[in-house]
Amino acid sequence: MSAFQGIWVPVVTPFHDGAIDFIGLRRLVSHLLEKHVAGIMVCTTTGEAAALSRQEQLTVLDAVLQLVPAHRVVMGLAGYNQIELLQFQAQILKRPVAGLLVPAPSYIRPSQAGLEAFFRTVADASSVPIILYDIPYRTGATFEQATLLNIVAHQRIVAIKDCGGNLGNTLALLASGEVDVLCGEDIQLFNALCLGASGAIAASAHVHTEQFVALWQQVRDNQLAEARATFFQLLPLINTMFMEPNPAPVKAALAMEGLINCELRAPMQPASDAVKARLHTVLNPNT
């Protein structure tokens, strides 16, 4: 069992007039810690890492590390230029982090052998655990089951963020005992936990965070009827959070709660009025 259990939040990166809003970031991270999340994931898809320079990513990481114990911080590490990626990895590893969240290289669509070689190289170069991020609809790279099982046999690859949409792969990973499975598709959270996932990396958990934490605890404690009820209470929020590309709805919801601005970096666009109206209804069911 790895250290990656419970509800981890892939924190958004707040902006103000195009620049990183570090005051908003600190306010948001402090809020999430108060809700007892297991940890914070920095510079992920939800954190708009692709719209940040490498230096900006490091400054966001440094800001989070000022607030969160290092054993509760994971850094995203994504890219398709392997030489540059390894150089950036070395910069990250000068900081104390609990692990790295690493997707397949996007755009270039490597072979299965290429995927194995990539993750082996990154893991060999790492001094901290690796969480493999399987998200083919963003990277264009689809793992065959045998490839995944070969990759997670590496001693430093201890968990997987499972967004692959392949139940057979998920079950094989759970059955292997080689790796902890973290649900990465929020709508699958309840069934993933019931199948044996160790937790989740959930963008929706920015909001109603305490209910996501309660859901994980209920499944852990075998309170399945209560967990099912909690999940169905969260389902309208989860569905709304993904009506438009992540993290626009998440930022809109956080703005409604007064935690950050709803600004995103182009080409991402703010949530539409329709989504904002739906969020208002979900967040204020009695008004």
Protein backbone atom coordinates (compact mmCIF):
# COMPACT_ATOMS: atom_id res chain seq x y z
CA MET A 1 0.00 0.00 0.00
CA SER A 2 1.36 3.40 -1.02
CA ALA A 3 0.95 6.71 0.75
CA PHE A 4 -1.63 7.75 -1.83
CA GLN A 5 -4.93 7.04 -0.11
CA GLY A 6 -8.06 9.11 0.30
CA ILE A 7 -9.22 12.20 -1.56
CA TRP A 8 -6.54 14.23 -3.31
CA VAL A 9 -7.48 17.52 -4.97
CA PRO A 10 -5.76 18.54 -8.23
CA VAL A 11 -5.77 22.19 -7.28
CA VAL A 12 -6.69 24.84 -9.84
CA THR A 13 -4.24 27.66 -10.55
CA PRO A 14 -5.97 30.97 -9.85
CA PHE A 15 -5.21 33.92 -12.14
CA HIS A 16 -5.70 37.67 -11.89
CA ASP A 17 -5.19 39.83 -14.97
CA GLY A 18 -3.21 37.04 -16.61
CA ALA A 19 -0.80 36.46 -13.72
CA ILE A 20 -0.86 33.73 -11.09
CA ASP A 21 -2.93 34.84 -8.12
CA PHE A 22 -0.84 33.58 -5.22
CA ILE A 23 -3.13 35.15 -2.61
CA GLY A 24 -6.07 33.23 -4.08
CA LEU A 25 -3.99 30.07 -4.30
CA ARG A 26 -3.02 30.24 -0.65
CA ARG A 27 -6.62 30.94 0.38
CA LEU A 28 -7.90 27.99 -1.65
CA VAL A 29 -5.25 25.53 -0.44
CA SER A 30 -5.83 26.53 3.19
CA HIS A 31 -9.56 25.98 2.68
CA LEU A 32 -9.00 22.50 1.25
CA LEU A 33 -6.69 21.54 4.12
CA GLU A 34 -9.38 22.58 6.58
CA LYS A 35 -11.69 20.08 4.86
CA HIS A 36 -9.22 17.24 5.59
CA VAL A 37 -8.21 16.27 2.07
CA ALA A 38 -5.45 13.70 1.92
CA GLY A 39 -3.27 15.95 -0.18
CA ILE A 40 -2.84 18.48 -2.96
CA MET A 41 -1.77 17.76 -6.52
CA VAL A 42 -0.09 20.73 -8.21
CA CYS A 43 0.17 21.62 -11.90
CA THR A 44 -2.15 18.93 -13.20
CA THR A 45 -4.71 19.11 -16.00
CA THR A 46 -7.09 20.87 -13.61
CA GLY A 47 -4.25 23.23 -12.64
CA GLU A 48 -3.86 24.30 -16.30
CA ALA A 49 -0.24 23.20 -16.27
CA ALA A 50 -0.12 23.24 -20.07
CA ALA A 51 -0.76 27.00 -19.95
CA LEU A 52 2.03 27.64 -17.43
CA SER A 53 5.72 28.05 -18.15
CA ARG A 54 8.06 25.66 -16.39
CA GLN A 55 9.19 28.48 -14.10
CA GLU A 56 5.60 29.34 -13.26
CA GLN A 57 4.94 25.71 -12.42
CA LEU A 58 7.84 25.71 -9.98
CA THR A 59 6.64 28.92 -8.33
CA VAL A 60 3.17 27.40 -7.86
CA LEU A 61 4.76 24.31 -6.33
CA ASP A 62 6.90 26.43 -4.01
CA ALA A 63 3.84 28.41 -2.89
CA VAL A 64 1.91 25.23 -2.07
CA LEU A 65 4.89 23.75 -0.21
CA GLN A 66 4.86 26.77 2.09
CA LEU A 67 1.40 25.70 3.29
CA VAL A 68 1.21 21.94 2.90
CA PRO A 69 3.50 19.29 4.40
CA ALA A 70 5.68 17.82 1.67
CA HIS A 71 4.32 14.30 2.20
CA ARG A 72 0.92 15.62 1.10
CA VAL A 73 2.07 17.34 -2.12
CA VAL A 74 2.35 15.71 -5.54
CA MET A 75 3.64 17.57 -8.60
CA GLY A 76 2.47 17.05 -12.16
CA LEU A 77 5.18 16.22 -14.69
CA ALA A 78 3.98 16.29 -18.28
CA GLY A 79 5.57 16.78 -21.67
CA TYR A 80 6.59 15.12 -24.91
CA ASN A 81 10.20 16.33 -25.18
CA GLN A 82 11.84 13.68 -23.02
CA ILE A 83 15.19 15.47 -22.64
CA GLU A 84 13.48 18.65 -21.47
CA LEU A 85 11.10 16.67 -19.28
CA LEU A 86 13.95 14.96 -17.44
CA GLN A 87 15.64 18.32 -16.91
CA PHE A 88 12.43 19.69 -15.42
CA GLN A 89 12.06 16.57 -13.29
CA ALA A 90 15.50 17.26 -11.81
CA GLN A 91 14.40 20.79 -10.92
CA ILE A 92 11.26 19.52 -9.21
CA LEU A 93 13.21 16.94 -7.24
CA LYS A 94 15.27 19.67 -5.62
CA ARG A 95 12.07 20.31 -3.66
CA PRO A 96 10.52 17.95 -1.09
CA VAL A 97 7.48 16.33 -2.70
CA ALA A 98 5.61 13.10 -2.03
CA GLY A 99 5.54 12.05 -5.65
CA LEU A 100 5.13 12.93 -9.31
CA LEU A 101 1.98 12.52 -11.41
CA VAL A 102 3.14 11.53 -14.90
CA PRO A 103 0.97 11.05 -18.01
CA ALA A 104 2.05 9.44 -21.24
CA PRO A 105 3.71 11.85 -23.69
CA SER A 106 0.94 13.64 -25.58
CA TYR A 107 0.68 14.25 -29.33
CA ILE A 108 3.40 11.84 -30.49
CA ARG A 109 1.49 8.61 -29.70
CA PRO A 110 4.40 6.29 -28.88
CA SER A 111 4.18 2.51 -29.35
CA GLN A 112 3.54 0.20 -26.40
CA ALA A 113 7.30 -0.41 -26.18
CA GLY A 114 7.81 3.35 -26.31
CA LEU A 115 5.39 3.86 -23.41
CA GLU A 116 7.22 1.25 -21.33
CA ALA A 117 10.58 2.84 -22.10
CA PHE A 118 9.30 6.33 -21.27
CA PHE A 119 7.92 5.41 -17.86
CA ARG A 120 10.95 3.28 -17.04
CA THR A 121 13.23 6.24 -17.84
CA VAL A 122 11.22 8.69 -15.74
CA ALA A 123 10.93 6.25 -12.84
CA ASP A 124 14.65 5.41 -12.94
CA ALA A 125 15.43 9.14 -12.78
CA SER A 126 13.12 9.75 -9.84
CA SER A 127 13.96 9.84 -6.15
CA VAL A 128 10.25 9.89 -5.22
CA PRO A 129 7.29 7.65 -6.07
CA ILE A 130 5.55 7.96 -9.43
CA ILE A 131 1.80 7.98 -10.06
CA LEU A 132 1.06 6.97 -13.63
CA TYR A 133 -1.67 9.16 -15.14
CA ASP A 134 -3.70 7.17 -17.67
CA ILE A 135 -5.84 9.62 -19.64
CA PRO A 136 -5.94 8.63 -23.32
CA TYR A 137 -8.52 11.22 -24.37
CA ARG A 138 -5.99 13.93 -23.54
CA THR A 139 -2.71 12.29 -24.48
CA GLY A 140 -3.75 10.23 -27.49
CA ALA A 141 -1.87 7.26 -26.02
CA THR A 142 -3.82 4.12 -25.10
CA PHE A 143 -2.24 1.51 -22.87
CA GLU A 144 -2.75 -2.16 -23.56
CA GLN A 145 -3.33 -4.14 -20.38
CA ALA A 146 -0.03 -6.02 -20.60
CA THR A 147 1.80 -2.72 -21.05
CA LEU A 148 0.22 -1.22 -17.96
CA LEU A 149 1.04 -4.27 -15.86
CA ASN A 150 4.64 -4.23 -17.07
CA ILE A 151 5.00 -0.53 -16.26
CA VAL A 152 3.54 -0.68 -12.75
CA ALA A 153 5.88 -3.52 -11.85
CA HIS A 154 8.61 -0.85 -11.51
CA GLN A 155 9.33 -0.34 -7.82
CA ARG A 156 8.93 3.45 -7.97
CA ILE A 157 5.59 3.39 -9.81
CA VAL A 158 3.27 2.91 -6.86
CA ALA A 159 -0.11 4.24 -7.99
CA ILE A 160 -2.17 5.06 -11.05
CA LYS A 161 -4.66 7.86 -11.72
CA ASP A 162 -7.19 5.85 -13.66
CA CYS A 163 -8.97 7.83 -16.37
CA GLY A 164 -8.55 5.16 -19.02
CA GLY A 165 -12.20 4.21 -19.26
CA ASN A 166 -11.29 0.53 -19.54
CA LEU A 167 -12.88 -1.56 -16.81
CA GLY A 168 -10.80 -4.60 -17.74
CA ASN A 169 -7.60 -2.64 -17.20
CA THR A 170 -8.88 -1.23 -13.92
CA LEU A 171 -9.78 -4.68 -12.62
CA ALA A 172 -6.43 -6.12 -13.71
CA LEU A 173 -4.58 -3.34 -11.91
CA LEU A 174 -6.62 -3.83 -8.75
CA ALA A 175 -6.09 -7.59 -8.88
CA SER A 176 -2.36 -7.30 -9.50
CA GLY A 177 -1.52 -5.93 -6.08
CA GLU A 178 1.35 -4.07 -7.76
CA VAL A 179 -0.16 -0.60 -7.60
CA ASP A 180 -2.76 1.52 -5.82
CA VAL A 181 -5.58 2.70 -8.06
CA LEU A 182 -6.78 6.29 -7.65
CA CYS A 183 -10.04 7.05 -9.43
CA GLY A 184 -9.58 9.93 -11.85
CA GLU A 185 -13.10 10.01 -13.30
CA ASP A 186 -15.26 11.62 -10.65
CA ILE A 187 -18.48 10.01 -11.86
CA GLN A 188 -16.92 6.58 -11.26
CA LEU A 189 -15.83 7.39 -7.71
CA PHE A 190 -18.30 5.24 -5.78
CA ASN A 191 -17.93 2.10 -7.86
CA ALA A 192 -14.13 2.49 -8.04
CA LEU A 193 -13.87 2.71 -4.26
CA CYS A 194 -16.17 -0.29 -3.84
CA LEU A 195 -13.97 -2.29 -6.20
CA GLY A 196 -10.92 -1.49 -4.10
CA ALA A 197 -9.51 1.81 -5.32
CA SER A 198 -7.44 3.42 -2.59
CA GLY A 199 -8.82 6.90 -3.21
CA ALA A 200 -9.35 9.51 -5.88
CA ILE A 201 -7.84 12.52 -7.56
CA ALA A 202 -11.06 14.46 -7.97
CA ALA A 203 -11.45 17.92 -9.51
CA SER A 204 -15.05 18.10 -8.27
CA ALA A 205 -13.78 17.79 -4.69
CA HIS A 206 -12.81 21.47 -4.74
CA VAL A 207 -16.47 21.95 -3.76
CA HIS A 208 -18.40 20.08 -1.04
CA THR A 209 -14.98 18.71 -0.15
CA GLU A 210 -16.11 17.33 3.18
CA GLN A 211 -18.70 15.12 1.43
CA PHE A 212 -16.07 13.61 -0.87
CA VAL A 213 -13.89 12.88 2.16
CA ALA A 214 -16.90 11.38 3.96
CA LEU A 215 -17.66 9.16 0.95
CA TRP A 216 -14.15 7.73 0.98
CA GLN A 217 -14.33 7.15 4.75
CA GLN A 218 -17.72 5.46 4.49
CA VAL A 219 -16.51 2.98 1.88
CA ARG A 220 -13.34 2.38 3.89
CA ASP A 221 -15.49 1.59 6.93
CA ASN A 222 -17.83 -0.66 4.91
CA GLN A 223 -20.77 1.72 5.34
CA LEU A 224 -21.89 1.13 1.79
CA ALA A 225 -25.50 2.28 2.07
CA GLU A 226 -24.35 5.57 3.57
CA ALA A 227 -21.63 5.91 0.94
CA ARG A 228 -24.13 5.30 -1.86
CA ALA A 229 -26.40 8.02 -0.45
CA THR A 230 -23.48 10.44 -0.19
CA PHE A 231 -22.46 9.72 -3.78
CA PHE A 232 -25.94 10.40 -5.12
CA GLN A 233 -25.99 13.68 -3.19
CA LEU A 234 -22.75 14.63 -4.98
CA LEU A 235 -23.81 13.41 -8.42
CA PRO A 236 -25.53 16.65 -9.59
CA LEU A 237 -22.38 18.59 -8.70
CA ILE A 238 -20.11 16.08 -10.46
CA ASN A 239 -22.23 16.14 -13.60
CA THR A 240 -22.24 19.95 -13.66
CA MET A 241 -18.49 20.18 -13.15
CA PHE A 242 -17.93 18.40 -16.44
CA MET A 243 -20.60 20.02 -18.60
CA GLU A 244 -17.80 22.10 -20.12
CA PRO A 245 -14.02 21.60 -20.28
CA ASN A 246 -12.33 21.29 -16.89
CA PRO A 247 -11.48 23.47 -14.97
CA ALA A 248 -13.87 26.20 -16.17
CA PRO A 249 -16.88 24.98 -14.13
CA VAL A 250 -14.66 24.31 -11.09
CA LYS A 251 -13.31 27.85 -11.17
CA ALA A 252 -16.81 29.26 -11.62
CA ALA A 253 -18.00 27.34 -8.55
CA LEU A 254 -15.02 28.49 -6.48
CA ALA A 255 -15.66 32.08 -7.56
CA MET A 256 -19.25 31.76 -6.38
CA GLU A 257 -17.88 30.69 -3.01
CA GLY A 258 -15.58 33.73 -2.92
CA LEU A 259 -12.37 31.72 -2.88
CA ILE A 260 -10.80 32.74 -6.22
CA ASN A 261 -11.54 34.55 -9.47
CA CYS A 262 -12.96 32.48 -12.33
CA GLU A 263 -10.24 33.58 -14.79
CA LEU A 264 -8.62 30.99 -17.06
CA ARG A 265 -5.78 31.23 -19.56
CA ALA A 266 -6.56 31.17 -23.26
CA PRO A 267 -7.44 29.13 -25.19
CA MET A 268 -9.52 27.96 -22.22
CA GLN A 269 -12.74 29.92 -21.86
CA PRO A 270 -14.75 30.78 -18.73
CA ALA A 271 -17.83 28.75 -17.91
CA SER A 272 -20.93 29.73 -19.86
CA ASP A 273 -23.92 31.46 -18.31
CA ALA A 274 -25.84 28.19 -18.59
CA VAL A 275 -23.24 26.34 -16.53
CA LYS A 276 -23.08 29.14 -13.99
CA ALA A 277 -26.84 29.03 -13.60
CA ARG A 278 -26.74 25.28 -13.13
CA LEU A 279 -23.93 25.62 -10.58
CA HIS A 280 -25.94 28.21 -8.67
CA THR A 281 -28.83 25.77 -8.44
CA VAL A 282 -26.59 22.87 -7.36
CA LEU A 283 -24.71 24.93 -4.78
CA ASN A 284 -27.85 26.61 -3.42
CA PRO A 285 -30.54 23.91 -3.59
CA ASN A 286 -32.87 25.65 -1.14
CA THR A 287 -32.99 29.05 -2.89
